[in-house]
Amino acid sequence: MNDPQTDKPVHILLADDDEDDRFLVLEAFRQQFPDSRLTMVEDGEELLEFLERREAYLHTPPDMPDLILLDLNMPRIDGRDVLRQLKQNPSWRHIPVVVLTTSDAQPDVQRSYTDGANSFITKPNNFQGLLNTAHVLGQYWFKVVTICQPGGTDLLSR
């Protein structure tokens, strides 16, 4: 999938500590949107290292992700803390964050939205459900809405 505004491949950053979940999300997005680029990190600390181009990411191309898929329950820095940091940082707050987690607890949903999540999705319990979720996410975030670019001032629907 390409970003209609720039015609470049869409870049999705996935933060999830479960190796199987990372693999399944990668596979679902590859099947639905083969042109998309998916970067995977294992926890919140690694997500911040990626965005700040620290540690293993010193020589990573400087482009920011177009969308972040964020698990809540991760080691080192969990998704709740990362979400707050993302939305408080002027360089990152424009990046849409979709919480994609096993939790369906109402306090997690409420806190995620309060902290700035753009969407909250409980992970489907089978691969077909994940394929459907990937399709809907891709269609919505990259075909329906206009994503605010750094320095942009608003989000307008198409």
C-alpha atoms as a PDB file:
ATOM      1  CA  MET A   1       0.000   0.000   0.000  1.00  0.00           C
ATOM      2  CA  ASN A   2       1.261   3.429  -0.878  1.00  0.00           C
ATOM      3  CA  ASP A   3       0.364   6.689   0.816  1.00  0.00           C
ATOM      4  CA  PRO A   4      -1.894   8.464  -1.704  1.00  0.00           C
ATOM      5  CA  GLN A   5      -0.439  11.837  -0.681  1.00  0.00           C
ATOM      6  CA  THR A   6       3.188  10.929  -1.377  1.00  0.00           C
ATOM      7  CA  ASP A   7       2.949   7.661  -3.363  1.00  0.00           C
ATOM      8  CA  LYS A   8       5.613   6.164  -1.081  1.00  0.00           C
ATOM      9  CA  PRO A   9       5.130   2.813   0.635  1.00  0.00           C
ATOM     10  CA  VAL A  10       3.252   3.122   3.901  1.00  0.00           C
ATOM     11  CA  HIS A  11       5.478   2.587   6.948  1.00  0.00           C
ATOM     12  CA  ILE A  12       3.923   0.898   9.985  1.00  0.00           C
ATOM     13  CA  LEU A  13       5.788   0.526  13.279  1.00  0.00           C
ATOM     14  CA  LEU A  14       4.614  -2.404  15.413  1.00  0.00           C
ATOM     15  CA  ALA A  15       5.580  -2.623  19.086  1.00  0.00           C
ATOM     16  CA  ASP A  16       4.708  -6.002  20.601  1.00  0.00           C
ATOM     17  CA  ASP A  17       6.695  -8.269  22.903  1.00  0.00           C
ATOM     18  CA  ASP A  18       5.013 -11.480  21.703  1.00  0.00           C
ATOM     19  CA  GLU A  19       7.003 -12.990  18.829  1.00  0.00           C
ATOM     20  CA  ASP A  20       4.021 -14.963  17.523  1.00  0.00           C
ATOM     21  CA  ASP A  21       1.806 -11.871  17.504  1.00  0.00           C
ATOM     22  CA  ARG A  22       4.483  -9.879  15.659  1.00  0.00           C
ATOM     23  CA  PHE A  23       4.749 -12.625  13.041  1.00  0.00           C
ATOM     24  CA  LEU A  24       0.965 -12.846  12.581  1.00  0.00           C
ATOM     25  CA  VAL A  25       0.547  -9.062  12.257  1.00  0.00           C
ATOM     26  CA  LEU A  26       3.420  -8.957   9.760  1.00  0.00           C
ATOM     27  CA  GLU A  27       1.851 -11.756   7.733  1.00  0.00           C
ATOM     28  CA  ALA A  28      -1.605 -10.134   7.815  1.00  0.00           C
ATOM     29  CA  PHE A  29      -0.274  -6.782   6.574  1.00  0.00           C
ATOM     30  CA  ARG A  30       1.900  -8.464   3.930  1.00  0.00           C
ATOM     31  CA  GLN A  31      -1.128 -10.302   2.584  1.00  0.00           C
ATOM     32  CA  GLN A  32      -3.401  -7.267   2.660  1.00  0.00           C
ATOM     33  CA  PHE A  33      -0.863  -4.613   1.621  1.00  0.00           C
ATOM     34  CA  PRO A  34       2.260  -6.144   0.074  1.00  0.00           C
ATOM     35  CA  ASP A  35       3.820  -2.738  -0.666  1.00  0.00           C
ATOM     36  CA  SER A  36       3.675  -1.572   2.943  1.00  0.00           C
ATOM     37  CA  ARG A  37       6.781  -1.495   5.124  1.00  0.00           C
ATOM     38  CA  LEU A  38       6.441  -2.947   8.622  1.00  0.00           C
ATOM     39  CA  THR A  39       9.104  -2.313  11.251  1.00  0.00           C
ATOM     40  CA  MET A  40       8.822  -4.449  14.376  1.00  0.00           C
ATOM     41  CA  VAL A  41      10.159  -3.721  17.859  1.00  0.00           C
ATOM     42  CA  GLU A  42       9.826  -5.837  20.993  1.00  0.00           C
ATOM     43  CA  ASP A  43       8.996  -3.250  23.654  1.00  0.00           C
ATOM     44  CA  GLY A  44       8.499   0.408  24.424  1.00  0.00           C
ATOM     45  CA  GLU A  45      12.174   1.099  24.992  1.00  0.00           C
ATOM     46  CA  GLU A  46      13.034  -0.254  21.552  1.00  0.00           C
ATOM     47  CA  LEU A  47      10.220   1.798  20.005  1.00  0.00           C
ATOM     48  CA  LEU A  48      11.740   4.970  21.480  1.00  0.00           C
ATOM     49  CA  GLU A  49      15.215   3.895  20.335  1.00  0.00           C
ATOM     50  CA  PHE A  50      13.827   3.526  16.818  1.00  0.00           C
ATOM     51  CA  LEU A  51      12.152   6.939  16.809  1.00  0.00           C
ATOM     52  CA  GLU A  52      15.211   8.627  18.318  1.00  0.00           C
ATOM     53  CA  ARG A  53      17.609   6.673  16.069  1.00  0.00           C
ATOM     54  CA  ARG A  54      19.566   5.333  19.040  1.00  0.00           C
ATOM     55  CA  GLU A  55      21.327   2.007  19.687  1.00  0.00           C
ATOM     56  CA  ALA A  56      20.679  -0.463  16.846  1.00  0.00           C
ATOM     57  CA  TYR A  57      18.826   2.223  14.859  1.00  0.00           C
ATOM     58  CA  LEU A  58      21.652   4.760  14.456  1.00  0.00           C
ATOM     59  CA  HIS A  59      21.841   4.181  10.709  1.00  0.00           C
ATOM     60  CA  THR A  60      18.140   3.670  10.037  1.00  0.00           C
ATOM     61  CA  PRO A  61      16.642   5.962   7.369  1.00  0.00           C
ATOM     62  CA  PRO A  62      15.223   9.074   9.032  1.00  0.00           C
ATOM     63  CA  ASP A  63      11.613   8.650   7.907  1.00  0.00           C
ATOM     64  CA  MET A  64       9.024   8.419  10.651  1.00  0.00           C
ATOM     65  CA  PRO A  65       6.322   5.748  10.596  1.00  0.00           C
ATOM     66  CA  ASP A  66       2.930   6.631   9.164  1.00  0.00           C
ATOM     67  CA  LEU A  67       1.159   4.560  11.836  1.00  0.00           C
ATOM     68  CA  ILE A  68       2.147   2.942  15.134  1.00  0.00           C
ATOM     69  CA  LEU A  69       0.516  -0.281  16.312  1.00  0.00           C
ATOM     70  CA  LEU A  70       1.117  -0.487  20.055  1.00  0.00           C
ATOM     71  CA  ASP A  71       0.662  -3.350  22.492  1.00  0.00           C
ATOM     72  CA  LEU A  72      -0.018  -2.272  26.079  1.00  0.00           C
ATOM     73  CA  ASN A  73       1.660  -4.991  28.121  1.00  0.00           C
ATOM     74  CA  MET A  74       5.366  -5.038  27.307  1.00  0.00           C
ATOM     75  CA  PRO A  75       8.589  -5.248  29.337  1.00  0.00           C
ATOM     76  CA  ARG A  76      11.005  -2.385  30.036  1.00  0.00           C
ATOM     77  CA  ILE A  77       8.632   0.436  29.022  1.00  0.00           C
ATOM     78  CA  ASP A  78       5.031  -0.645  28.567  1.00  0.00           C
ATOM     79  CA  GLY A  79       2.667   0.668  25.931  1.00  0.00           C
ATOM     80  CA  ARG A  80       0.820   2.962  28.340  1.00  0.00           C
ATOM     81  CA  ASP A  81       3.992   4.886  29.173  1.00  0.00           C
ATOM     82  CA  VAL A  82       5.125   4.956  25.549  1.00  0.00           C
ATOM     83  CA  LEU A  83       1.764   6.304  24.419  1.00  0.00           C
ATOM     84  CA  ARG A  84       2.031   9.223  26.841  1.00  0.00           C
ATOM     85  CA  GLN A  85       5.595   9.953  25.684  1.00  0.00           C
ATOM     86  CA  LEU A  86       4.578   9.809  22.023  1.00  0.00           C
ATOM     87  CA  LYS A  87       1.702  12.227  22.453  1.00  0.00           C
ATOM     88  CA  GLN A  88       3.722  14.660  24.585  1.00  0.00           C
ATOM     89  CA  ASN A  89       6.574  14.899  22.074  1.00  0.00           C
ATOM     90  CA  PRO A  90       5.998  17.510  19.340  1.00  0.00           C
ATOM     91  CA  SER A  91       8.049  15.446  16.860  1.00  0.00           C
ATOM     92  CA  TRP A  92       5.879  12.353  17.278  1.00  0.00           C
ATOM     93  CA  ARG A  93       2.418  13.439  18.394  1.00  0.00           C
ATOM     94  CA  HIS A  94       1.178  13.676  14.789  1.00  0.00           C
ATOM     95  CA  ILE A  95       1.754   9.930  14.232  1.00  0.00           C
ATOM     96  CA  PRO A  96      -1.505   8.007  14.641  1.00  0.00           C
ATOM     97  CA  VAL A  97      -1.283   5.361  17.357  1.00  0.00           C
ATOM     98  CA  VAL A  98      -3.569   2.348  17.307  1.00  0.00           C
ATOM     99  CA  VAL A  99      -3.498   0.319  20.498  1.00  0.00           C
ATOM    100  CA  LEU A 100      -3.577  -3.333  19.394  1.00  0.00           C
ATOM    101  CA  THR A 101      -3.661  -5.480  22.496  1.00  0.00           C
ATOM    102  CA  THR A 102      -5.168  -8.595  24.044  1.00  0.00           C
ATOM    103  CA  SER A 103      -6.911  -6.492  26.689  1.00  0.00           C
ATOM    104  CA  ASP A 104     -10.546  -5.585  26.433  1.00  0.00           C
ATOM    105  CA  ALA A 105     -10.663  -4.106  29.937  1.00  0.00           C
ATOM    106  CA  GLN A 106     -12.613  -0.845  30.048  1.00  0.00           C
ATOM    107  CA  PRO A 107      -9.949   0.911  32.186  1.00  0.00           C
ATOM    108  CA  ASP A 108      -7.343   0.120  29.495  1.00  0.00           C
ATOM    109  CA  VAL A 109      -9.651   1.480  26.787  1.00  0.00           C
ATOM    110  CA  GLN A 110     -10.427   4.669  28.728  1.00  0.00           C
ATOM    111  CA  ARG A 111      -6.815   5.294  29.728  1.00  0.00           C
ATOM    112  CA  SER A 112      -5.577   4.718  26.172  1.00  0.00           C
ATOM    113  CA  TYR A 113      -7.947   7.301  24.742  1.00  0.00           C
ATOM    114  CA  THR A 114      -7.228   9.725  27.584  1.00  0.00           C
ATOM    115  CA  ASP A 115      -3.500   9.385  26.853  1.00  0.00           C
ATOM    116  CA  GLY A 116      -3.999  10.116  23.152  1.00  0.00           C
ATOM    117  CA  ALA A 117      -4.580   6.811  21.345  1.00  0.00           C
ATOM    118  CA  ASN A 118      -6.306   7.292  18.012  1.00  0.00           C
ATOM    119  CA  SER A 119      -7.958   3.854  18.163  1.00  0.00           C
ATOM    120  CA  PHE A 120      -8.162   0.878  20.503  1.00  0.00           C
ATOM    121  CA  ILE A 121      -8.485  -2.629  19.079  1.00  0.00           C
ATOM    122  CA  THR A 122      -8.564  -5.901  20.960  1.00  0.00           C
ATOM    123  CA  LYS A 123      -6.482  -8.422  19.014  1.00  0.00           C
ATOM    124  CA  PRO A 124      -8.641 -10.901  17.124  1.00  0.00           C
ATOM    125  CA  ASN A 125      -8.339 -14.487  18.347  1.00  0.00           C
ATOM    126  CA  ASN A 126      -7.711 -15.994  14.893  1.00  0.00           C
ATOM    127  CA  PHE A 127      -5.741 -15.178  11.766  1.00  0.00           C
ATOM    128  CA  GLN A 128      -8.797 -14.451   9.605  1.00  0.00           C
ATOM    129  CA  GLY A 129      -9.884 -11.863  12.168  1.00  0.00           C
ATOM    130  CA  LEU A 130      -6.401 -10.344  12.059  1.00  0.00           C
ATOM    131  CA  LEU A 131      -6.517 -10.223   8.244  1.00  0.00           C
ATOM    132  CA  ASN A 132      -9.836  -8.386   8.440  1.00  0.00           C
ATOM    133  CA  THR A 133      -8.442  -5.985  11.057  1.00  0.00           C
ATOM    134  CA  ALA A 134      -5.355  -5.282   8.934  1.00  0.00           C
ATOM    135  CA  HIS A 135      -7.552  -4.605   5.913  1.00  0.00           C
ATOM    136  CA  VAL A 136      -9.845  -2.209   7.781  1.00  0.00           C
ATOM    137  CA  LEU A 137      -6.915  -0.421   9.451  1.00  0.00           C
ATOM    138  CA  GLY A 138      -5.115   0.040   6.157  1.00  0.00           C
ATOM    139  CA  GLN A 139      -8.215   1.221   4.350  1.00  0.00           C
ATOM    140  CA  TYR A 140      -9.134   3.674   7.092  1.00  0.00           C
ATOM    141  CA  TRP A 141      -5.722   5.144   7.907  1.00  0.00           C
ATOM    142  CA  PHE A 142      -4.319   5.248   4.372  1.00  0.00           C
ATOM    143  CA  LYS A 143      -7.330   5.591   2.081  1.00  0.00           C
ATOM    144  CA  VAL A 144     -10.090   7.368   4.032  1.00  0.00           C
ATOM    145  CA  VAL A 145      -8.413   9.927   6.289  1.00  0.00           C
ATOM    146  CA  THR A 146      -5.680  12.411   5.551  1.00  0.00           C
ATOM    147  CA  ILE A 147      -2.790  11.931   7.944  1.00  0.00           C
ATOM    148  CA  CYS A 148      -1.212  15.046   9.368  1.00  0.00           C
ATOM    149  CA  GLN A 149       2.380  15.368   8.218  1.00  0.00           C
ATOM    150  CA  PRO A 150       5.006  16.871  10.550  1.00  0.00           C
ATOM    151  CA  GLY A 151       4.386  20.586  10.704  1.00  0.00           C
ATOM    152  CA  GLY A 152       0.793  20.098   9.527  1.00  0.00           C
ATOM    153  CA  THR A 153      -2.001  21.673  11.465  1.00  0.00           C
ATOM    154  CA  ASP A 154      -5.062  19.515  10.997  1.00  0.00           C
ATOM    155  CA  LEU A 155      -6.532  16.201   9.934  1.00  0.00           C
ATOM    156  CA  LEU A 156      -9.147  16.463   7.219  1.00  0.00           C
ATOM    157  CA  SER A 157     -11.163  13.637   5.745  1.00  0.00           C
ATOM    158  CA  ARG A 158     -11.000  13.083   2.042  1.00  0.00           C
END
